[in-house]
Amino acid sequence: KIVVIGGSGLIGSKLVQRLARSGHEVLAASPNSGINTLTGEGLAAALA
């Protein structure tokens, strides 16, 4: 399992695709997906 913080951005979205193609479980983390590094919202569950 790999978590990409900023996974919906320019680099993050491309990185998520590449990691998924390599067979890994990838979580694209961003405030839009309920994971916010500024507030801490959703971080613990995302990184488990």
All heavy atoms as atom14 arrays in JSON, in Angstrom:
{
  "sequence": "KIVVIGGSGLIGSKLVQRLARSGHEVLAASPNSGINTLTGEGLAAALA",
  "atom14_mask": [
    [1, 1, 1, 1, 1, 1, 1, 1, 1, 0, 0, 0, 0, 0],
    [1, 1, 1, 1, 1, 1, 1, 1, 0, 0, 0, 0, 0, 0],
    [1, 1, 1, 1, 1, 1, 1, 0, 0, 0, 0, 0, 0, 0],
    [1, 1, 1, 1, 1, 1, 1, 0, 0, 0, 0, 0, 0, 0],
    [1, 1, 1, 1, 1, 1, 1, 1, 0, 0, 0, 0, 0, 0],
    [1, 1, 1, 1, 0, 0, 0, 0, 0, 0, 0, 0, 0, 0],
    [1, 1, 1, 1, 0, 0, 0, 0, 0, 0, 0, 0, 0, 0],
    [1, 1, 1, 1, 1, 1, 0, 0, 0, 0, 0, 0, 0, 0],
    [1, 1, 1, 1, 0, 0, 0, 0, 0, 0, 0, 0, 0, 0],
    [1, 1, 1, 1, 1, 1, 1, 1, 0, 0, 0, 0, 0, 0],
    [1, 1, 1, 1, 1, 1, 1, 1, 0, 0, 0, 0, 0, 0],
    [1, 1, 1, 1, 0, 0, 0, 0, 0, 0, 0, 0, 0, 0],
    [1, 1, 1, 1, 1, 1, 0, 0, 0, 0, 0, 0, 0, 0],
    [1, 1, 1, 1, 1, 1, 1, 1, 1, 0, 0, 0, 0, 0],
    [1, 1, 1, 1, 1, 1, 1, 1, 0, 0, 0, 0, 0, 0],
    [1, 1, 1, 1, 1, 1, 1, 0, 0, 0, 0, 0, 0, 0],
    [1, 1, 1, 1, 1, 1, 1, 1, 1, 0, 0, 0, 0, 0],
    [1, 1, 1, 1, 1, 1, 1, 1, 1, 1, 1, 0, 0, 0],
    [1, 1, 1, 1, 1, 1, 1, 1, 0, 0, 0, 0, 0, 0],
    [1, 1, 1, 1, 1, 0, 0, 0, 0, 0, 0, 0, 0, 0],
    [1, 1, 1, 1, 1, 1, 1, 1, 1, 1, 1, 0, 0, 0],
    [1, 1, 1, 1, 1, 1, 0, 0, 0, 0, 0, 0, 0, 0],
    [1, 1, 1, 1, 0, 0, 0, 0, 0, 0, 0, 0, 0, 0],
    [1, 1, 1, 1, 1, 1, 1, 1, 1, 1, 0, 0, 0, 0],
    [1, 1, 1, 1, 1, 1, 1, 1, 1, 0, 0, 0, 0, 0],
    [1, 1, 1, 1, 1, 1, 1, 0, 0, 0, 0, 0, 0, 0],
    [1, 1, 1, 1, 1, 1, 1, 1, 0, 0, 0, 0, 0, 0],
    [1, 1, 1, 1, 1, 0, 0, 0, 0, 0, 0, 0, 0, 0],
    [1, 1, 1, 1, 1, 0, 0, 0, 0, 0, 0, 0, 0, 0],
    [1, 1, 1, 1, 1, 1, 0, 0, 0, 0, 0, 0, 0, 0],
    [1, 1, 1, 1, 1, 1, 1, 0, 0, 0, 0, 0, 0, 0],
    [1, 1, 1, 1, 1, 1, 1, 1, 0, 0, 0, 0, 0, 0],
    [1, 1, 1, 1, 1, 1, 0, 0, 0, 0, 0, 0, 0, 0],
    [1, 1, 1, 1, 0, 0, 0, 0, 0, 0, 0, 0, 0, 0],
    [1, 1, 1, 1, 1, 1, 1, 1, 0, 0, 0, 0, 0, 0],
    [1, 1, 1, 1, 1, 1, 1, 1, 0, 0, 0, 0, 0, 0],
    [1, 1, 1, 1, 1, 1, 1, 0, 0, 0, 0, 0, 0, 0],
    [1, 1, 1, 1, 1, 1, 1, 1, 0, 0, 0, 0, 0, 0],
    [1, 1, 1, 1, 1, 1, 1, 0, 0, 0, 0, 0, 0, 0],
    [1, 1, 1, 1, 0, 0, 0, 0, 0, 0, 0, 0, 0, 0],
    [1, 1, 1, 1, 1, 1, 1, 1, 1, 0, 0, 0, 0, 0],
    [1, 1, 1, 1, 0, 0, 0, 0, 0, 0, 0, 0, 0, 0],
    [1, 1, 1, 1, 1, 1, 1, 1, 0, 0, 0, 0, 0, 0],
    [1, 1, 1, 1, 1, 0, 0, 0, 0, 0, 0, 0, 0, 0],
    [1, 1, 1, 1, 1, 0, 0, 0, 0, 0, 0, 0, 0, 0],
    [1, 1, 1, 1, 1, 0, 0, 0, 0, 0, 0, 0, 0, 0],
    [1, 1, 1, 1, 1, 1, 1, 1, 0, 0, 0, 0, 0, 0],
    [1, 1, 1, 1, 1, 0, 0, 0, 0, 0, 0, 0, 0, 0]
  ],
  "atom14_positions": [
    [[0.84, -1.19, 0.0], [0.0, 0.0, 0.0], [0.88, 1.24, 0.0], [1.8, 1.38, 0.81], [-0.92, 0.01, 1.22], [-1.82, 1.25, 1.28], [-2.75, 1.23, 2.49], [-3.59, 2.5, 2.55], [-4.51, 2.52, 3.72], [0.0, 0.0, 0.0], [0.0, 0.0, 0.0], [0.0, 0.0, 0.0], [0.0, 0.0, 0.0], [0.0, 0.0, 0.0]],
    [[0.58, 2.15, -0.94], [1.31, 3.41, -1.06], [0.29, 4.54, -1.07], [-0.69, 4.5, -1.82], [2.14, 3.45, -2.36], [3.11, 2.26, -2.41], [2.89, 4.78, -2.48], [3.84, 2.13, -3.74], [0.0, 0.0, 0.0], [0.0, 0.0, 0.0], [0.0, 0.0, 0.0], [0.0, 0.0, 0.0], [0.0, 0.0, 0.0], [0.0, 0.0, 0.0]],
    [[0.52, 5.54, -0.24], [-0.35, 6.71, -0.18], [0.35, 7.88, -0.85], [1.5, 8.19, -0.51], [-0.72, 7.07, 1.27], [-1.59, 8.33, 1.31], [-1.44, 5.9, 1.94], [0.0, 0.0, 0.0], [0.0, 0.0, 0.0], [0.0, 0.0, 0.0], [0.0, 0.0, 0.0], [0.0, 0.0, 0.0], [0.0, 0.0, 0.0], [0.0, 0.0, 0.0]],
    [[-0.33, 8.51, -1.78], [0.23, 9.67, -2.48], [-0.52, 10.91, -2.02], [-1.71, 11.1, -2.34], [0.13, 9.52, -4.01], [0.7, 10.76, -4.71], [0.87, 8.26, -4.47], [0.0, 0.0, 0.0], [0.0, 0.0, 0.0], [0.0, 0.0, 0.0], [0.0, 0.0, 0.0], [0.0, 0.0, 0.0], [0.0, 0.0, 0.0], [0.0, 0.0, 0.0]],
    [[0.14, 11.74, -1.24], [-0.44, 13.0, -0.77], [-0.35, 14.0, -1.92], [0.71, 14.24, -2.46], [0.32, 13.55, 0.47], [0.39, 12.49, 1.57], [-0.35, 14.82, 0.96], [-0.93, 12.07, 2.15], [0.0, 0.0, 0.0], [0.0, 0.0, 0.0], [0.0, 0.0, 0.0], [0.0, 0.0, 0.0], [0.0, 0.0, 0.0], [0.0, 0.0, 0.0]],
    [[-1.49, 14.59, -2.27], [-1.54, 15.41, -3.49], [-1.75, 14.55, -4.71], [-1.32, 14.89, -5.82], [0.0, 0.0, 0.0], [0.0, 0.0, 0.0], [0.0, 0.0, 0.0], [0.0, 0.0, 0.0], [0.0, 0.0, 0.0], [0.0, 0.0, 0.0], [0.0, 0.0, 0.0], [0.0, 0.0, 0.0], [0.0, 0.0, 0.0], [0.0, 0.0, 0.0]],
    [[-2.43, 13.44, -4.51], [-2.57, 12.43, -5.57], [-3.48, 12.8, -6.71], [-3.53, 12.07, -7.7], [0.0, 0.0, 0.0], [0.0, 0.0, 0.0], [0.0, 0.0, 0.0], [0.0, 0.0, 0.0], [0.0, 0.0, 0.0], [0.0, 0.0, 0.0], [0.0, 0.0, 0.0], [0.0, 0.0, 0.0], [0.0, 0.0, 0.0], [0.0, 0.0, 0.0]],
    [[-4.17, 13.94, -6.61], [-5.03, 14.36, -7.72], [-4.4, 15.48, -8.54], [-5.0, 15.97, -9.5], [-6.39, 14.83, -7.18], [-6.24, 15.95, -6.31], [0.0, 0.0, 0.0], [0.0, 0.0, 0.0], [0.0, 0.0, 0.0], [0.0, 0.0, 0.0], [0.0, 0.0, 0.0], [0.0, 0.0, 0.0], [0.0, 0.0, 0.0], [0.0, 0.0, 0.0]],
    [[-3.19, 15.9, -8.18], [-2.53, 17.01, -8.87], [-1.77, 16.58, -10.1], [-1.84, 15.42, -10.54], [0.0, 0.0, 0.0], [0.0, 0.0, 0.0], [0.0, 0.0, 0.0], [0.0, 0.0, 0.0], [0.0, 0.0, 0.0], [0.0, 0.0, 0.0], [0.0, 0.0, 0.0], [0.0, 0.0, 0.0], [0.0, 0.0, 0.0], [0.0, 0.0, 0.0]],
    [[-1.01, 17.53, -10.67], [-0.28, 17.29, -11.92], [0.64, 16.09, -11.82], [0.59, 15.18, -12.66], [0.53, 18.55, -12.28], [1.48, 18.43, -13.47], [0.7, 18.2, -14.76], [2.37, 19.66, -13.58], [0.0, 0.0, 0.0], [0.0, 0.0, 0.0], [0.0, 0.0, 0.0], [0.0, 0.0, 0.0], [0.0, 0.0, 0.0], [0.0, 0.0, 0.0]],
    [[1.51, 16.06, -10.81], [2.45, 14.95, -10.64], [1.76, 13.77, -9.97], [1.93, 12.62, -10.38], [3.67, 15.38, -9.81], [4.37, 16.58, -10.47], [4.64, 14.21, -9.65], [4.87, 16.33, -11.86], [0.0, 0.0, 0.0], [0.0, 0.0, 0.0], [0.0, 0.0, 0.0], [0.0, 0.0, 0.0], [0.0, 0.0, 0.0], [0.0, 0.0, 0.0]],
    [[0.97, 14.06, -8.96], [0.34, 13.0, -8.19], [-0.53, 12.08, -9.01], [-0.47, 10.85, -8.86], [0.0, 0.0, 0.0], [0.0, 0.0, 0.0], [0.0, 0.0, 0.0], [0.0, 0.0, 0.0], [0.0, 0.0, 0.0], [0.0, 0.0, 0.0], [0.0, 0.0, 0.0], [0.0, 0.0, 0.0], [0.0, 0.0, 0.0], [0.0, 0.0, 0.0]],
    [[-1.33, 12.64, -9.91], [-2.23, 11.8, -10.71], [-1.44, 10.88, -11.63], [-1.8, 9.7, -11.81], [-3.18, 12.67, -11.53], [-2.46, 13.56, -12.38], [0.0, 0.0, 0.0], [0.0, 0.0, 0.0], [0.0, 0.0, 0.0], [0.0, 0.0, 0.0], [0.0, 0.0, 0.0], [0.0, 0.0, 0.0], [0.0, 0.0, 0.0], [0.0, 0.0, 0.0]],
    [[-0.34, 11.38, -12.21], [0.5, 10.54, -13.06], [1.22, 9.47, -12.23], [1.37, 8.32, -12.66], [1.53, 11.4, -13.8], [0.95, 12.29, -14.88], [2.04, 13.12, -15.53], [1.55, 13.84, -16.8], [0.46, 14.79, -16.53], [0.0, 0.0, 0.0], [0.0, 0.0, 0.0], [0.0, 0.0, 0.0], [0.0, 0.0, 0.0], [0.0, 0.0, 0.0]],
    [[1.66, 9.84, -11.05], [2.35, 8.88, -10.18], [1.4, 7.77, -9.73], [1.78, 6.59, -9.72], [2.92, 9.61, -8.96], [3.59, 8.74, -7.91], [4.74, 7.93, -8.49], [4.08, 9.61, -6.74], [0.0, 0.0, 0.0], [0.0, 0.0, 0.0], [0.0, 0.0, 0.0], [0.0, 0.0, 0.0], [0.0, 0.0, 0.0], [0.0, 0.0, 0.0]],
    [[0.19, 8.12, -9.37], [-0.8, 7.12, -8.96], [-1.02, 6.1, -10.07], [-1.06, 4.88, -9.83], [-2.13, 7.81, -8.56], [-3.27, 6.79, -8.47], [-1.97, 8.54, -7.24], [0.0, 0.0, 0.0], [0.0, 0.0, 0.0], [0.0, 0.0, 0.0], [0.0, 0.0, 0.0], [0.0, 0.0, 0.0], [0.0, 0.0, 0.0], [0.0, 0.0, 0.0]],
    [[-1.14, 6.56, -11.31], [-1.33, 5.65, -12.44], [-0.15, 4.71, -12.59], [-0.32, 3.5, -12.82], [-1.52, 6.46, -13.72], [-2.81, 7.25, -13.77], [-2.86, 8.2, -14.97], [-1.9, 8.31, -15.73], [-3.99, 8.88, -15.13], [0.0, 0.0, 0.0], [0.0, 0.0, 0.0], [0.0, 0.0, 0.0], [0.0, 0.0, 0.0], [0.0, 0.0, 0.0]],
    [[1.05, 5.23, -12.47], [2.25, 4.41, -12.65], [2.38, 3.36, -11.55], [2.73, 2.2, -11.81], [3.49, 5.3, -12.7], [3.65, 6.05, -14.03], [4.54, 7.26, -13.88], [4.9, 7.86, -15.18], [4.07, 8.59, -15.91], [2.82, 8.81, -15.48], [4.46, 9.1, -17.07], [0.0, 0.0, 0.0], [0.0, 0.0, 0.0], [0.0, 0.0, 0.0]],
    [[2.12, 3.75, -10.32], [2.21, 2.8, -9.2], [1.15, 1.72, -9.31], [1.41, 0.54, -9.01], [2.09, 3.54, -7.88], [3.27, 4.46, -7.52], [2.91, 5.34, -6.32], [4.52, 3.64, -7.22], [0.0, 0.0, 0.0], [0.0, 0.0, 0.0], [0.0, 0.0, 0.0], [0.0, 0.0, 0.0], [0.0, 0.0, 0.0], [0.0, 0.0, 0.0]],
    [[-0.04, 2.1, -9.74], [-1.12, 1.11, -9.9], [-0.77, 0.11, -11.0], [-1.01, -1.1, -10.86], [-2.43, 1.82, -10.22], [0.0, 0.0, 0.0], [0.0, 0.0, 0.0], [0.0, 0.0, 0.0], [0.0, 0.0, 0.0], [0.0, 0.0, 0.0], [0.0, 0.0, 0.0], [0.0, 0.0, 0.0], [0.0, 0.0, 0.0], [0.0, 0.0, 0.0]],
    [[-0.17, 0.61, -12.09], [0.23, -0.29, -13.18], [1.32, -1.26, -12.72], [1.45, -2.35, -13.27], [0.73, 0.52, -14.38], [-0.37, 1.17, -15.19], [0.1, 1.51, -16.6], [1.22, 2.45, -16.61], [1.07, 3.77, -16.76], [-0.14, 4.28, -16.88], [2.13, 4.55, -16.78], [0.0, 0.0, 0.0], [0.0, 0.0, 0.0], [0.0, 0.0, 0.0]],
    [[2.08, -0.86, -11.71], [3.12, -1.74, -11.16], [2.55, -2.75, -10.17], [3.29, -3.54, -9.59], [4.21, -0.9, -10.49], [4.92, -0.14, -11.43], [0.0, 0.0, 0.0], [0.0, 0.0, 0.0], [0.0, 0.0, 0.0], [0.0, 0.0, 0.0], [0.0, 0.0, 0.0], [0.0, 0.0, 0.0], [0.0, 0.0, 0.0], [0.0, 0.0, 0.0]],
    [[1.25, -2.7, -9.95], [0.59, -3.72, -9.15], [0.4, -3.38, -7.68], [0.05, -4.25, -6.88], [0.0, 0.0, 0.0], [0.0, 0.0, 0.0], [0.0, 0.0, 0.0], [0.0, 0.0, 0.0], [0.0, 0.0, 0.0], [0.0, 0.0, 0.0], [0.0, 0.0, 0.0], [0.0, 0.0, 0.0], [0.0, 0.0, 0.0], [0.0, 0.0, 0.0]],
    [[0.6, -2.11, -7.32], [0.49, -1.73, -5.91], [-0.89, -1.18, -5.59], [-1.61, -0.69, -6.46], [1.57, -0.71, -5.57], [2.96, -1.24, -5.79], [3.57, -2.09, -4.91], [3.83, -1.08, -6.83], [4.77, -2.41, -5.36], [4.95, -1.83, -6.53], [0.0, 0.0, 0.0], [0.0, 0.0, 0.0], [0.0, 0.0, 0.0], [0.0, 0.0, 0.0]],
    [[-1.23, -1.26, -4.31], [-2.46, -0.65, -3.81], [-2.16, 0.82, -3.55], [-1.37, 1.14, -2.67], [-2.91, -1.33, -2.52], [-4.14, -0.69, -1.89], [-4.42, -1.22, -0.49], [-3.75, -2.19, -0.07], [-5.29, -0.64, 0.19], [0.0, 0.0, 0.0], [0.0, 0.0, 0.0], [0.0, 0.0, 0.0], [0.0, 0.0, 0.0], [0.0, 0.0, 0.0]],
    [[-2.77, 1.71, -4.32], [-2.43, 3.12, -4.26], [-3.64, 3.93, -3.83], [-4.74, 3.77, -4.37], [-1.92, 3.64, -5.61], [-1.35, 5.05, -5.45], [-0.88, 2.72, -6.2], [0.0, 0.0, 0.0], [0.0, 0.0, 0.0], [0.0, 0.0, 0.0], [0.0, 0.0, 0.0], [0.0, 0.0, 0.0], [0.0, 0.0, 0.0], [0.0, 0.0, 0.0]],
    [[-3.43, 4.8, -2.85], [-4.47, 5.71, -2.39], [-4.08, 7.13, -2.77], [-3.04, 7.63, -2.33], [-4.66, 5.6, -0.88], [-5.65, 6.57, -0.24], [-7.05, 6.38, -0.83], [-5.69, 6.37, 1.27], [0.0, 0.0, 0.0], [0.0, 0.0, 0.0], [0.0, 0.0, 0.0], [0.0, 0.0, 0.0], [0.0, 0.0, 0.0], [0.0, 0.0, 0.0]],
    [[-4.9, 7.77, -3.6], [-4.68, 9.17, -3.96], [-5.33, 10.05, -2.91], [-6.56, 10.13, -2.84], [-5.26, 9.45, -5.35], [0.0, 0.0, 0.0], [0.0, 0.0, 0.0], [0.0, 0.0, 0.0], [0.0, 0.0, 0.0], [0.0, 0.0, 0.0], [0.0, 0.0, 0.0], [0.0, 0.0, 0.0], [0.0, 0.0, 0.0], [0.0, 0.0, 0.0]],
    [[-4.52, 10.67, -2.09], [-5.02, 11.45, -0.94], [-5.05, 12.93, -1.27], [-4.05, 13.49, -1.73], [-4.15, 11.19, 0.28], [0.0, 0.0, 0.0], [0.0, 0.0, 0.0], [0.0, 0.0, 0.0], [0.0, 0.0, 0.0], [0.0, 0.0, 0.0], [0.0, 0.0, 0.0], [0.0, 0.0, 0.0], [0.0, 0.0, 0.0], [0.0, 0.0, 0.0]],
    [[-6.19, 13.55, -1.01], [-6.33, 14.99, -1.21], [-7.55, 15.44, -0.4], [-8.37, 14.61, 0.01], [-6.54, 15.32, -2.69], [-7.8, 14.86, -3.13], [0.0, 0.0, 0.0], [0.0, 0.0, 0.0], [0.0, 0.0, 0.0], [0.0, 0.0, 0.0], [0.0, 0.0, 0.0], [0.0, 0.0, 0.0], [0.0, 0.0, 0.0], [0.0, 0.0, 0.0]],
    [[-7.69, 16.74, -0.15], [-8.89, 17.21, 0.56], [-10.18, 16.79, -0.11], [-11.18, 16.52, 0.56], [-8.71, 18.74, 0.54], [-7.23, 18.94, 0.52], [-6.72, 17.83, -0.37], [0.0, 0.0, 0.0], [0.0, 0.0, 0.0], [0.0, 0.0, 0.0], [0.0, 0.0, 0.0], [0.0, 0.0, 0.0], [0.0, 0.0, 0.0], [0.0, 0.0, 0.0]],
    [[-10.17, 16.69, -1.44], [-11.38, 16.28, -2.16], [-11.76, 14.84, -1.86], [-12.93, 14.45, -2.02], [-11.18, 16.45, -3.67], [-11.17, 17.9, -4.09], [-11.69, 18.76, -3.39], [-10.57, 18.18, -5.23], [0.0, 0.0, 0.0], [0.0, 0.0, 0.0], [0.0, 0.0, 0.0], [0.0, 0.0, 0.0], [0.0, 0.0, 0.0], [0.0, 0.0, 0.0]],
    [[-10.77, 14.03, -1.44], [-11.07, 12.64, -1.1], [-11.23, 12.47, 0.42], [-11.25, 11.35, 0.91], [-9.96, 11.72, -1.62], [-8.72, 12.0, -0.99], [0.0, 0.0, 0.0], [0.0, 0.0, 0.0], [0.0, 0.0, 0.0], [0.0, 0.0, 0.0], [0.0, 0.0, 0.0], [0.0, 0.0, 0.0], [0.0, 0.0, 0.0], [0.0, 0.0, 0.0]],
    [[-11.32, 13.59, 1.14], [-11.55, 13.53, 2.58], [-10.29, 13.34, 3.4], [-10.37, 13.0, 4.59], [0.0, 0.0, 0.0], [0.0, 0.0, 0.0], [0.0, 0.0, 0.0], [0.0, 0.0, 0.0], [0.0, 0.0, 0.0], [0.0, 0.0, 0.0], [0.0, 0.0, 0.0], [0.0, 0.0, 0.0], [0.0, 0.0, 0.0], [0.0, 0.0, 0.0]],
    [[-9.12, 13.58, 2.79], [-7.84, 13.42, 3.5], [-7.11, 14.76, 3.46], [-6.67, 15.21, 2.4], [-6.99, 12.31, 2.87], [-7.78, 10.99, 2.85], [-5.68, 12.14, 3.61], [-7.24, 9.96, 1.91], [0.0, 0.0, 0.0], [0.0, 0.0, 0.0], [0.0, 0.0, 0.0], [0.0, 0.0, 0.0], [0.0, 0.0, 0.0], [0.0, 0.0, 0.0]],
    [[-7.0, 15.41, 4.6], [-6.5, 16.77, 4.66], [-5.31, 16.85, 5.6], [-5.45, 16.68, 6.81], [-7.62, 17.72, 5.13], [-7.27, 19.18, 4.93], [-6.14, 19.59, 5.16], [-8.25, 19.96, 4.52], [0.0, 0.0, 0.0], [0.0, 0.0, 0.0], [0.0, 0.0, 0.0], [0.0, 0.0, 0.0], [0.0, 0.0, 0.0], [0.0, 0.0, 0.0]],
    [[-4.13, 17.11, 5.04], [-2.93, 17.16, 5.88], [-2.88, 18.41, 6.74], [-2.21, 18.43, 7.77], [-1.66, 17.1, 5.01], [-1.7, 18.14, 4.03], [-1.53, 15.75, 4.34], [0.0, 0.0, 0.0], [0.0, 0.0, 0.0], [0.0, 0.0, 0.0], [0.0, 0.0, 0.0], [0.0, 0.0, 0.0], [0.0, 0.0, 0.0], [0.0, 0.0, 0.0]],
    [[-3.59, 19.46, 6.35], [-3.6, 20.69, 7.16], [-4.4, 20.51, 8.44], [-4.0, 20.98, 9.51], [-4.16, 21.86, 6.36], [-3.19, 22.63, 5.47], [-3.92, 23.76, 4.76], [-2.03, 23.18, 6.28], [0.0, 0.0, 0.0], [0.0, 0.0, 0.0], [0.0, 0.0, 0.0], [0.0, 0.0, 0.0], [0.0, 0.0, 0.0], [0.0, 0.0, 0.0]],
    [[-5.54, 19.84, 8.35], [-6.38, 19.64, 9.53], [-6.15, 18.28, 10.18], [-6.55, 18.07, 11.32], [-7.87, 19.75, 9.14], [-8.19, 18.66, 8.23], [-8.16, 21.07, 8.45], [0.0, 0.0, 0.0], [0.0, 0.0, 0.0], [0.0, 0.0, 0.0], [0.0, 0.0, 0.0], [0.0, 0.0, 0.0], [0.0, 0.0, 0.0], [0.0, 0.0, 0.0]],
    [[-5.55, 17.37, 9.45], [-5.36, 16.01, 9.94], [-6.53, 15.1, 9.63], [-6.48, 13.89, 9.92], [0.0, 0.0, 0.0], [0.0, 0.0, 0.0], [0.0, 0.0, 0.0], [0.0, 0.0, 0.0], [0.0, 0.0, 0.0], [0.0, 0.0, 0.0], [0.0, 0.0, 0.0], [0.0, 0.0, 0.0], [0.0, 0.0, 0.0], [0.0, 0.0, 0.0]],
    [[-7.58, 15.65, 9.04], [-8.78, 14.87, 8.74], [-8.46, 13.69, 7.83], [-7.87, 13.84, 6.77], [-9.83, 15.75, 8.04], [-11.08, 15.0, 7.59], [-11.97, 15.83, 6.68], [-11.6, 16.98, 6.36], [-13.03, 15.31, 6.28], [0.0, 0.0, 0.0], [0.0, 0.0, 0.0], [0.0, 0.0, 0.0], [0.0, 0.0, 0.0], [0.0, 0.0, 0.0]],
    [[-8.84, 12.49, 8.27], [-8.71, 11.3, 7.45], [-7.31, 10.72, 7.33], [-7.13, 9.67, 6.71], [0.0, 0.0, 0.0], [0.0, 0.0, 0.0], [0.0, 0.0, 0.0], [0.0, 0.0, 0.0], [0.0, 0.0, 0.0], [0.0, 0.0, 0.0], [0.0, 0.0, 0.0], [0.0, 0.0, 0.0], [0.0, 0.0, 0.0], [0.0, 0.0, 0.0]],
    [[-6.32, 11.37, 7.94], [-4.94, 10.91, 7.76], [-4.69, 9.54, 8.39], [-4.08, 8.68, 7.77], [-3.96, 11.93, 8.37], [-3.33, 12.95, 7.43], [-2.35, 13.82, 8.2], [-2.64, 12.28, 6.26], [0.0, 0.0, 0.0], [0.0, 0.0, 0.0], [0.0, 0.0, 0.0], [0.0, 0.0, 0.0], [0.0, 0.0, 0.0], [0.0, 0.0, 0.0]],
    [[-5.13, 9.35, 9.61], [-4.86, 8.09, 10.3], [-5.43, 6.91, 9.53], [-4.75, 5.89, 9.34], [-5.43, 8.14, 11.72], [0.0, 0.0, 0.0], [0.0, 0.0, 0.0], [0.0, 0.0, 0.0], [0.0, 0.0, 0.0], [0.0, 0.0, 0.0], [0.0, 0.0, 0.0], [0.0, 0.0, 0.0], [0.0, 0.0, 0.0], [0.0, 0.0, 0.0]],
    [[-6.66, 7.04, 9.08], [-7.3, 5.94, 8.34], [-6.61, 5.72, 7.01], [-6.43, 4.57, 6.58], [-8.77, 6.25, 8.13], [0.0, 0.0, 0.0], [0.0, 0.0, 0.0], [0.0, 0.0, 0.0], [0.0, 0.0, 0.0], [0.0, 0.0, 0.0], [0.0, 0.0, 0.0], [0.0, 0.0, 0.0], [0.0, 0.0, 0.0], [0.0, 0.0, 0.0]],
    [[-6.21, 6.81, 6.34], [-5.57, 6.69, 5.03], [-4.23, 5.98, 5.13], [-3.87, 5.17, 4.26], [-5.39, 8.07, 4.41], [0.0, 0.0, 0.0], [0.0, 0.0, 0.0], [0.0, 0.0, 0.0], [0.0, 0.0, 0.0], [0.0, 0.0, 0.0], [0.0, 0.0, 0.0], [0.0, 0.0, 0.0], [0.0, 0.0, 0.0], [0.0, 0.0, 0.0]],
    [[-3.46, 6.25, 6.18], [-2.11, 5.71, 6.3], [-2.07, 4.32, 6.95], [-1.01, 3.68, 6.94], [-1.22, 6.67, 7.09], [-0.44, 7.7, 6.24], [-1.39, 8.55, 5.39], [0.4, 8.6, 7.13], [0.0, 0.0, 0.0], [0.0, 0.0, 0.0], [0.0, 0.0, 0.0], [0.0, 0.0, 0.0], [0.0, 0.0, 0.0], [0.0, 0.0, 0.0]],
    [[-3.18, 3.86, 7.47], [-3.21, 2.54, 8.1], [-2.78, 1.47, 7.1], [-3.36, 1.34, 6.03], [-4.6, 2.23, 8.63], [0.0, 0.0, 0.0], [0.0, 0.0, 0.0], [0.0, 0.0, 0.0], [0.0, 0.0, 0.0], [0.0, 0.0, 0.0], [0.0, 0.0, 0.0], [0.0, 0.0, 0.0], [0.0, 0.0, 0.0], [0.0, 0.0, 0.0]]
  ]
}
